[in-house]
């Protein structure tokens, strides 16, 4: 499978390097970003071997089957429908963009009409398979608690501080660079308005922590993931990038494990 990567920031570069080095059974057709800086941070052998463009029209002329968005919510809004209209599947990392119901439905409708797929990796959390299974029956509540160092949230705090507590939809809007996991969890479960989110800044915390609690007819599910921040961007969990690579592997493998 040939892929095109949208965004050459932290996550985009991790994906490019992993695919180039053979971690997933894919080839890179090319990379698009509005800025060249990230591309020049790739190893020299990779830069010399793959195509890069700052023109999205040129990017769409590359030969690929799946576009991997690793840029921003703005990129999903601007380029998502263009990818689908060109007849390609898309993987969305900036899932917070789907807090906009009209955008989500627009892309979903376009994919359904063309027989395409929109892939949403689990990201920096665990338990998505369980949430999807539980949601087949009745789910009473879903709560996500995210705790990060203040620097990772872009705030100053000298003690543990609750920055937000409320529906996932508003959390995604208030903290667009930090809680894509809230949108992913909501899509897998009971929706953005019913999923509850707490965002905590704690100067004693070094790693990003995501805790999920789900209750329903099935019983109770609890997960806790303590993520190592990406060495290149403390706002991003390394597991999020690994999740994208795992999704690529799952798409191309004959045996698919998990719900």
C-alpha atoms as a PDB file:
ATOM      1  CA  UNK A   1       0.000   0.000   0.000  1.00  0.00           C
ATOM      2  CA  UNK A   2       1.271   3.461  -0.902  1.00  0.00           C
ATOM      3  CA  UNK A   3       0.597   6.342   1.476  1.00  0.00           C
ATOM      4  CA  UNK A   4       0.836  10.109   1.336  1.00  0.00           C
ATOM      5  CA  UNK A   5       1.563  11.955   4.577  1.00  0.00           C
ATOM      6  CA  UNK A   6      -0.060  15.299   5.372  1.00  0.00           C
ATOM      7  CA  UNK A   7       2.092  17.153   7.881  1.00  0.00           C
ATOM      8  CA  UNK A   8       5.781  16.754   8.637  1.00  0.00           C
ATOM      9  CA  UNK A   9       5.753  17.783  12.270  1.00  0.00           C
ATOM     10  CA  UNK A  10       6.585  15.494  15.171  1.00  0.00           C
ATOM     11  CA  UNK A  11       4.055  12.725  14.495  1.00  0.00           C
ATOM     12  CA  UNK A  12       4.397  12.988  10.730  1.00  0.00           C
ATOM     13  CA  UNK A  13       8.168  12.483  10.883  1.00  0.00           C
ATOM     14  CA  UNK A  14       7.838   9.499  13.217  1.00  0.00           C
ATOM     15  CA  UNK A  15       5.388   7.888  10.785  1.00  0.00           C
ATOM     16  CA  UNK A  16       7.571   8.646   7.758  1.00  0.00           C
ATOM     17  CA  UNK A  17      10.689   7.215   9.402  1.00  0.00           C
ATOM     18  CA  UNK A  18       8.876   4.076  10.582  1.00  0.00           C
ATOM     19  CA  UNK A  19       7.333   3.348   7.187  1.00  0.00           C
ATOM     20  CA  UNK A  20      10.560   4.111   5.348  1.00  0.00           C
ATOM     21  CA  UNK A  21      12.425   1.703   7.634  1.00  0.00           C
ATOM     22  CA  UNK A  22       9.935  -1.102   6.976  1.00  0.00           C
ATOM     23  CA  UNK A  23       7.889  -1.151  10.187  1.00  0.00           C
ATOM     24  CA  UNK A  24       4.652  -1.307   8.179  1.00  0.00           C
ATOM     25  CA  UNK A  25       4.071  -2.924   4.798  1.00  0.00           C
ATOM     26  CA  UNK A  26       3.717   0.433   3.051  1.00  0.00           C
ATOM     27  CA  UNK A  27       5.589   2.776   0.765  1.00  0.00           C
ATOM     28  CA  UNK A  28       5.674   6.552   1.030  1.00  0.00           C
ATOM     29  CA  UNK A  29       4.514   8.259  -2.144  1.00  0.00           C
ATOM     30  CA  UNK A  30       5.256  11.702  -0.771  1.00  0.00           C
ATOM     31  CA  UNK A  31       4.826  14.240   2.009  1.00  0.00           C
ATOM     32  CA  UNK A  32       2.901  17.512   2.068  1.00  0.00           C
ATOM     33  CA  UNK A  33       3.315  20.388   4.502  1.00  0.00           C
ATOM     34  CA  UNK A  34       2.755  24.112   4.155  1.00  0.00           C
ATOM     35  CA  UNK A  35       6.185  24.611   5.751  1.00  0.00           C
ATOM     36  CA  UNK A  36       9.445  22.943   4.686  1.00  0.00           C
ATOM     37  CA  UNK A  37      11.143  23.080   8.094  1.00  0.00           C
ATOM     38  CA  UNK A  38       9.888  19.724   9.382  1.00  0.00           C
ATOM     39  CA  UNK A  39      10.904  17.871   6.238  1.00  0.00           C
ATOM     40  CA  UNK A  40      14.494  19.043   6.622  1.00  0.00           C
ATOM     41  CA  UNK A  41      14.603  17.483  10.095  1.00  0.00           C
ATOM     42  CA  UNK A  42      14.266  14.012   8.568  1.00  0.00           C
ATOM     43  CA  UNK A  43      17.423  11.907   8.144  1.00  0.00           C
ATOM     44  CA  UNK A  44      19.299  12.829   4.969  1.00  0.00           C
ATOM     45  CA  UNK A  45      18.811   9.416   3.345  1.00  0.00           C
ATOM     46  CA  UNK A  46      15.019   9.712   3.711  1.00  0.00           C
ATOM     47  CA  UNK A  47      14.912  13.300   2.432  1.00  0.00           C
ATOM     48  CA  UNK A  48      16.799  12.240  -0.642  1.00  0.00           C
ATOM     49  CA  UNK A  49      14.501   9.313  -1.321  1.00  0.00           C
ATOM     50  CA  UNK A  50      10.950  10.670  -1.002  1.00  0.00           C
ATOM     51  CA  UNK A  51       9.066  13.534  -2.566  1.00  0.00           C
ATOM     52  CA  UNK A  52       7.975  16.620  -0.658  1.00  0.00           C
ATOM     53  CA  UNK A  53       5.715  19.494  -1.670  1.00  0.00           C
ATOM     54  CA  UNK A  54       4.092  22.581  -0.190  1.00  0.00           C
ATOM     55  CA  UNK A  55       1.363  22.399  -2.855  1.00  0.00           C
ATOM     56  CA  UNK A  56      -1.646  20.274  -1.959  1.00  0.00           C
ATOM     57  CA  UNK A  57      -2.688  20.041  -5.605  1.00  0.00           C
ATOM     58  CA  UNK A  58       0.710  18.569  -6.414  1.00  0.00           C
ATOM     59  CA  UNK A  59       0.388  16.218  -3.438  1.00  0.00           C
ATOM     60  CA  UNK A  60      -2.894  14.871  -4.813  1.00  0.00           C
ATOM     61  CA  UNK A  61      -1.086  14.036  -8.046  1.00  0.00           C
ATOM     62  CA  UNK A  62       1.176  11.617  -6.167  1.00  0.00           C
ATOM     63  CA  UNK A  63       0.330   7.930  -6.550  1.00  0.00           C
ATOM     64  CA  UNK A  64      -1.076   6.766  -3.191  1.00  0.00           C
ATOM     65  CA  UNK A  65      -4.110   4.945  -1.810  1.00  0.00           C
ATOM     66  CA  UNK A  66      -4.237   6.337   1.730  1.00  0.00           C
ATOM     67  CA  UNK A  67      -3.563   9.829   3.057  1.00  0.00           C
ATOM     68  CA  UNK A  68      -2.286  10.007   6.629  1.00  0.00           C
ATOM     69  CA  UNK A  69      -3.217  13.330   8.255  1.00  0.00           C
ATOM     70  CA  UNK A  70      -0.694  14.225  10.954  1.00  0.00           C
ATOM     71  CA  UNK A  71      -0.939  17.996  10.880  1.00  0.00           C
ATOM     72  CA  UNK A  72      -3.777  19.791  12.656  1.00  0.00           C
ATOM     73  CA  UNK A  73      -7.529  20.142  12.982  1.00  0.00           C
ATOM     74  CA  UNK A  74      -7.294  22.906  10.391  1.00  0.00           C
ATOM     75  CA  UNK A  75      -5.722  20.448   7.957  1.00  0.00           C
ATOM     76  CA  UNK A  76      -8.624  18.029   8.450  1.00  0.00           C
ATOM     77  CA  UNK A  77     -11.090  20.816   7.706  1.00  0.00           C
ATOM     78  CA  UNK A  78      -9.216  22.052   4.640  1.00  0.00           C
ATOM     79  CA  UNK A  79      -7.942  18.849   3.067  1.00  0.00           C
ATOM     80  CA  UNK A  80     -10.089  15.973   4.350  1.00  0.00           C
ATOM     81  CA  UNK A  81     -12.848  16.307   1.775  1.00  0.00           C
ATOM     82  CA  UNK A  82     -10.303  16.882  -1.011  1.00  0.00           C
ATOM     83  CA  UNK A  83      -8.621  13.573  -0.202  1.00  0.00           C
ATOM     84  CA  UNK A  84     -11.927  11.699  -0.248  1.00  0.00           C
ATOM     85  CA  UNK A  85     -13.084  13.436  -3.421  1.00  0.00           C
ATOM     86  CA  UNK A  86      -9.867  12.238  -5.076  1.00  0.00           C
ATOM     87  CA  UNK A  87     -10.882   8.650  -4.302  1.00  0.00           C
ATOM     88  CA  UNK A  88      -8.434   7.945  -1.462  1.00  0.00           C
ATOM     89  CA  UNK A  89      -8.956   6.668   2.062  1.00  0.00           C
ATOM     90  CA  UNK A  90      -7.778   8.906   4.900  1.00  0.00           C
ATOM     91  CA  UNK A  91      -6.368   8.367   8.378  1.00  0.00           C
ATOM     92  CA  UNK A  92      -7.114  11.221  10.773  1.00  0.00           C
ATOM     93  CA  UNK A  93      -4.843  11.911  13.736  1.00  0.00           C
ATOM     94  CA  UNK A  94      -6.260  15.356  14.604  1.00  0.00           C
ATOM     95  CA  UNK A  95      -9.556  13.795  15.645  1.00  0.00           C
ATOM     96  CA  UNK A  96     -10.557  16.887  17.589  1.00  0.00           C
ATOM     97  CA  UNK A  97     -11.684  18.339  14.266  1.00  0.00           C
ATOM     98  CA  UNK A  98     -14.644  15.976  14.469  1.00  0.00           C
ATOM     99  CA  UNK A  99     -16.045  17.941  17.408  1.00  0.00           C
ATOM    100  CA  UNK A 100     -17.610  19.833  14.499  1.00  0.00           C
ATOM    101  CA  UNK A 101     -20.562  17.567  13.704  1.00  0.00           C
ATOM    102  CA  UNK A 102     -21.104  19.089  10.277  1.00  0.00           C
ATOM    103  CA  UNK A 103     -17.512  18.373   9.254  1.00  0.00           C
ATOM    104  CA  UNK A 104     -17.673  14.807  10.538  1.00  0.00           C
ATOM    105  CA  UNK A 105     -20.939  14.107   8.730  1.00  0.00           C
ATOM    106  CA  UNK A 106     -19.641  15.727   5.534  1.00  0.00           C
ATOM    107  CA  UNK A 107     -16.570  13.482   5.460  1.00  0.00           C
ATOM    108  CA  UNK A 108     -18.511  10.407   6.570  1.00  0.00           C
ATOM    109  CA  UNK A 109     -21.106  10.946   3.834  1.00  0.00           C
ATOM    110  CA  UNK A 110     -18.411  11.436   1.183  1.00  0.00           C
ATOM    111  CA  UNK A 111     -16.622   8.257   2.264  1.00  0.00           C
ATOM    112  CA  UNK A 112     -19.823   6.207   2.253  1.00  0.00           C
ATOM    113  CA  UNK A 113     -20.833   7.409  -1.206  1.00  0.00           C
ATOM    114  CA  UNK A 114     -17.447   6.503  -2.679  1.00  0.00           C
ATOM    115  CA  UNK A 115     -16.914   3.285  -0.711  1.00  0.00           C
ATOM    116  CA  UNK A 116     -13.903   4.753   1.086  1.00  0.00           C
ATOM    117  CA  UNK A 117     -12.643   4.502   4.651  1.00  0.00           C
ATOM    118  CA  UNK A 118     -11.827   7.049   7.353  1.00  0.00           C
ATOM    119  CA  UNK A 119      -9.397   5.491   9.835  1.00  0.00           C
ATOM    120  CA  UNK A 120      -9.111   6.878  13.372  1.00  0.00           C
ATOM    121  CA  UNK A 121      -6.258   5.357  15.416  1.00  0.00           C
ATOM    122  CA  UNK A 122      -6.693   4.773  19.156  1.00  0.00           C
ATOM    123  CA  UNK A 123      -4.062   7.407  19.828  1.00  0.00           C
ATOM    124  CA  UNK A 124      -2.580   7.855  23.282  1.00  0.00           C
ATOM    125  CA  UNK A 125      -5.218   5.863  25.184  1.00  0.00           C
ATOM    126  CA  UNK A 126      -6.021   2.210  25.831  1.00  0.00           C
ATOM    127  CA  UNK A 127      -9.402   0.515  25.951  1.00  0.00           C
ATOM    128  CA  UNK A 128     -11.021   1.719  22.714  1.00  0.00           C
ATOM    129  CA  UNK A 129     -11.840  -1.864  21.696  1.00  0.00           C
ATOM    130  CA  UNK A 130     -13.589  -2.398  25.024  1.00  0.00           C
ATOM    131  CA  UNK A 131     -15.541   0.853  24.744  1.00  0.00           C
ATOM    132  CA  UNK A 132     -16.726  -0.057  21.240  1.00  0.00           C
ATOM    133  CA  UNK A 133     -17.845  -3.482  22.436  1.00  0.00           C
ATOM    134  CA  UNK A 134     -19.582  -2.080  25.514  1.00  0.00           C
ATOM    135  CA  UNK A 135     -21.431   0.442  23.377  1.00  0.00           C
ATOM    136  CA  UNK A 136     -23.233  -2.366  21.536  1.00  0.00           C
ATOM    137  CA  UNK A 137     -25.317  -2.632  24.727  1.00  0.00           C
ATOM    138  CA  UNK A 138     -26.136   0.237  27.117  1.00  0.00           C
ATOM    139  CA  UNK A 139     -23.347   2.473  28.460  1.00  0.00           C
ATOM    140  CA  UNK A 140     -24.207   4.681  31.436  1.00  0.00           C
ATOM    141  CA  UNK A 141     -21.113   6.867  31.658  1.00  0.00           C
ATOM    142  CA  UNK A 142     -17.704   7.496  30.117  1.00  0.00           C
ATOM    143  CA  UNK A 143     -15.134   9.679  31.868  1.00  0.00           C
ATOM    144  CA  UNK A 144     -11.655  10.647  30.702  1.00  0.00           C
ATOM    145  CA  UNK A 145      -9.156  12.227  33.085  1.00  0.00           C
ATOM    146  CA  UNK A 146      -6.051  13.658  31.440  1.00  0.00           C
ATOM    147  CA  UNK A 147      -3.141  14.809  33.595  1.00  0.00           C
ATOM    148  CA  UNK A 148      -0.112  16.535  32.109  1.00  0.00           C
ATOM    149  CA  UNK A 149       2.780  18.691  33.182  1.00  0.00           C
ATOM    150  CA  UNK A 150       1.813  22.376  32.843  1.00  0.00           C
ATOM    151  CA  UNK A 151       4.402  22.797  30.089  1.00  0.00           C
ATOM    152  CA  UNK A 152       2.672  20.144  28.018  1.00  0.00           C
ATOM    153  CA  UNK A 153      -0.596  22.048  28.355  1.00  0.00           C
ATOM    154  CA  UNK A 154       0.925  25.428  27.657  1.00  0.00           C
ATOM    155  CA  UNK A 155       0.031  26.878  31.074  1.00  0.00           C
ATOM    156  CA  UNK A 156       1.818  28.023  34.239  1.00  0.00           C
ATOM    157  CA  UNK A 157       0.868  26.159  37.422  1.00  0.00           C
ATOM    158  CA  UNK A 158       2.931  25.601  40.570  1.00  0.00           C
ATOM    159  CA  UNK A 159       0.470  23.110  42.041  1.00  0.00           C
ATOM    160  CA  UNK A 160      -1.987  20.489  40.836  1.00  0.00           C
ATOM    161  CA  UNK A 161      -4.791  22.393  39.104  1.00  0.00           C
ATOM    162  CA  UNK A 162      -7.998  21.269  37.420  1.00  0.00           C
ATOM    163  CA  UNK A 163      -8.118  23.309  34.217  1.00  0.00           C
ATOM    164  CA  UNK A 164     -11.342  21.912  32.843  1.00  0.00           C
ATOM    165  CA  UNK A 165     -14.195  19.631  33.819  1.00  0.00           C
ATOM    166  CA  UNK A 166     -17.159  19.100  31.530  1.00  0.00           C
ATOM    167  CA  UNK A 167     -18.308  17.631  28.207  1.00  0.00           C
ATOM    168  CA  UNK A 168     -15.730  16.325  25.754  1.00  0.00           C
ATOM    169  CA  UNK A 169     -16.942  18.611  22.981  1.00  0.00           C
ATOM    170  CA  UNK A 170     -15.907  21.767  24.833  1.00  0.00           C
ATOM    171  CA  UNK A 171     -12.670  20.168  26.066  1.00  0.00           C
ATOM    172  CA  UNK A 172     -11.606  19.544  22.488  1.00  0.00           C
ATOM    173  CA  UNK A 173     -12.348  23.153  21.572  1.00  0.00           C
ATOM    174  CA  UNK A 174     -10.527  24.622  24.574  1.00  0.00           C
ATOM    175  CA  UNK A 175      -7.467  22.369  24.309  1.00  0.00           C
ATOM    176  CA  UNK A 176      -7.203  21.441  20.609  1.00  0.00           C
ATOM    177  CA  UNK A 177      -3.551  20.393  20.762  1.00  0.00           C
ATOM    178  CA  UNK A 178      -3.907  18.165  23.801  1.00  0.00           C
ATOM    179  CA  UNK A 179      -7.126  16.163  23.896  1.00  0.00           C
ATOM    180  CA  UNK A 180      -7.627  14.457  20.558  1.00  0.00           C
ATOM    181  CA  UNK A 181      -8.046  11.391  22.769  1.00  0.00           C
ATOM    182  CA  UNK A 182     -11.312  12.849  24.082  1.00  0.00           C
ATOM    183  CA  UNK A 183     -12.721  13.005  20.568  1.00  0.00           C
ATOM    184  CA  UNK A 184     -11.566   9.467  19.773  1.00  0.00           C
ATOM    185  CA  UNK A 185     -13.104   8.116  22.971  1.00  0.00           C
ATOM    186  CA  UNK A 186     -16.360   9.946  22.250  1.00  0.00           C
ATOM    187  CA  UNK A 187     -16.621   8.569  18.717  1.00  0.00           C
ATOM    188  CA  UNK A 188     -16.054   5.044  20.022  1.00  0.00           C
ATOM    189  CA  UNK A 189     -18.581   5.472  22.826  1.00  0.00           C
ATOM    190  CA  UNK A 190     -21.501   7.703  23.755  1.00  0.00           C
ATOM    191  CA  UNK A 191     -20.641  10.927  21.949  1.00  0.00           C
ATOM    192  CA  UNK A 192     -18.979  14.256  22.625  1.00  0.00           C
ATOM    193  CA  UNK A 193     -21.792  15.708  24.723  1.00  0.00           C
ATOM    194  CA  UNK A 194     -22.202  12.740  27.077  1.00  0.00           C
ATOM    195  CA  UNK A 195     -18.522  11.884  27.529  1.00  0.00           C
ATOM    196  CA  UNK A 196     -17.074  13.715  30.534  1.00  0.00           C
ATOM    197  CA  UNK A 197     -13.518  15.072  30.587  1.00  0.00           C
ATOM    198  CA  UNK A 198     -11.244  16.383  33.332  1.00  0.00           C
ATOM    199  CA  UNK A 199      -7.982  18.088  32.367  1.00  0.00           C
ATOM    200  CA  UNK A 200      -5.417  18.503  35.125  1.00  0.00           C
ATOM    201  CA  UNK A 201      -2.091  20.349  35.136  1.00  0.00           C
ATOM    202  CA  UNK A 202       0.328  18.883  37.676  1.00  0.00           C
ATOM    203  CA  UNK A 203       3.941  20.130  37.958  1.00  0.00           C
ATOM    204  CA  UNK A 204       4.922  16.871  39.701  1.00  0.00           C
ATOM    205  CA  UNK A 205       3.929  14.819  36.669  1.00  0.00           C
ATOM    206  CA  UNK A 206       6.514  14.117  33.988  1.00  0.00           C
ATOM    207  CA  UNK A 207       4.527  11.811  31.729  1.00  0.00           C
ATOM    208  CA  UNK A 208       1.118  12.331  30.137  1.00  0.00           C
ATOM    209  CA  UNK A 209      -1.550  10.313  31.970  1.00  0.00           C
ATOM    210  CA  UNK A 210      -4.902   9.298  30.487  1.00  0.00           C
ATOM    211  CA  UNK A 211      -7.422   7.468  32.688  1.00  0.00           C
ATOM    212  CA  UNK A 212     -10.710   6.116  31.360  1.00  0.00           C
ATOM    213  CA  UNK A 213     -13.696   4.919  33.374  1.00  0.00           C
ATOM    214  CA  UNK A 214     -16.696   3.333  31.652  1.00  0.00           C
ATOM    215  CA  UNK A 215     -19.843   1.909  33.241  1.00  0.00           C
ATOM    216  CA  UNK A 216     -22.678   0.077  31.558  1.00  0.00           C
ATOM    217  CA  UNK A 217     -24.622  -3.153  31.165  1.00  0.00           C
ATOM    218  CA  UNK A 218     -21.355  -5.031  30.583  1.00  0.00           C
ATOM    219  CA  UNK A 219     -19.926  -3.986  33.964  1.00  0.00           C
ATOM    220  CA  UNK A 220     -17.103  -1.515  34.536  1.00  0.00           C
ATOM    221  CA  UNK A 221     -13.958  -0.796  32.532  1.00  0.00           C
ATOM    222  CA  UNK A 222     -10.997   1.220  33.771  1.00  0.00           C
ATOM    223  CA  UNK A 223      -7.727   1.941  32.011  1.00  0.00           C
ATOM    224  CA  UNK A 224      -4.717   4.077  32.867  1.00  0.00           C
ATOM    225  CA  UNK A 225      -1.949   4.899  30.433  1.00  0.00           C
ATOM    226  CA  UNK A 226       1.138   6.822  31.507  1.00  0.00           C
ATOM    227  CA  UNK A 227       2.640   7.994  28.248  1.00  0.00           C
ATOM    228  CA  UNK A 228       6.174   9.119  27.672  1.00  0.00           C
ATOM    229  CA  UNK A 229       5.989  12.496  25.898  1.00  0.00           C
ATOM    230  CA  UNK A 230       7.469  12.520  22.440  1.00  0.00           C
ATOM    231  CA  UNK A 231      11.123  13.591  22.709  1.00  0.00           C
ATOM    232  CA  UNK A 232      10.488  16.196  19.996  1.00  0.00           C
ATOM    233  CA  UNK A 233       7.246  17.662  21.360  1.00  0.00           C
ATOM    234  CA  UNK A 234       6.177  17.409  25.036  1.00  0.00           C
ATOM    235  CA  UNK A 235       2.556  18.146  24.078  1.00  0.00           C
ATOM    236  CA  UNK A 236       2.390  14.874  22.134  1.00  0.00           C
ATOM    237  CA  UNK A 237       2.395  11.357  23.558  1.00  0.00           C
ATOM    238  CA  UNK A 238       4.752   8.970  21.799  1.00  0.00           C
ATOM    239  CA  UNK A 239       2.038   6.311  21.899  1.00  0.00           C
ATOM    240  CA  UNK A 240      -0.131   8.447  19.609  1.00  0.00           C
ATOM    241  CA  UNK A 241       2.417   8.183  16.808  1.00  0.00           C
ATOM    242  CA  UNK A 242       2.898   4.470  17.461  1.00  0.00           C
ATOM    243  CA  UNK A 243      -0.872   4.032  17.243  1.00  0.00           C
ATOM    244  CA  UNK A 244      -0.866   5.463  13.723  1.00  0.00           C
ATOM    245  CA  UNK A 245       1.866   3.036  12.687  1.00  0.00           C
ATOM    246  CA  UNK A 246      -0.047   0.144  14.280  1.00  0.00           C
ATOM    247  CA  UNK A 247      -3.138   1.174  12.310  1.00  0.00           C
ATOM    248  CA  UNK A 248      -1.147   1.062   9.073  1.00  0.00           C
ATOM    249  CA  UNK A 249       0.040  -2.427   9.983  1.00  0.00           C
ATOM    250  CA  UNK A 250      -3.510  -3.531  10.777  1.00  0.00           C
ATOM    251  CA  UNK A 251      -4.803  -2.259   7.428  1.00  0.00           C
ATOM    252  CA  UNK A 252      -2.206  -4.222   5.487  1.00  0.00           C
ATOM    253  CA  UNK A 253      -2.096  -7.437   7.542  1.00  0.00           C
ATOM    254  CA  UNK A 254      -4.139 -10.513   6.636  1.00  0.00           C
ATOM    255  CA  UNK A 255      -5.007 -11.285  10.281  1.00  0.00           C
ATOM    256  CA  UNK A 256      -6.649  -8.446  12.192  1.00  0.00           C
ATOM    257  CA  UNK A 257      -6.639  -8.762  15.983  1.00  0.00           C
ATOM    258  CA  UNK A 258      -9.081  -6.770  18.096  1.00  0.00           C
ATOM    259  CA  UNK A 259     -12.571  -5.376  17.717  1.00  0.00           C
END
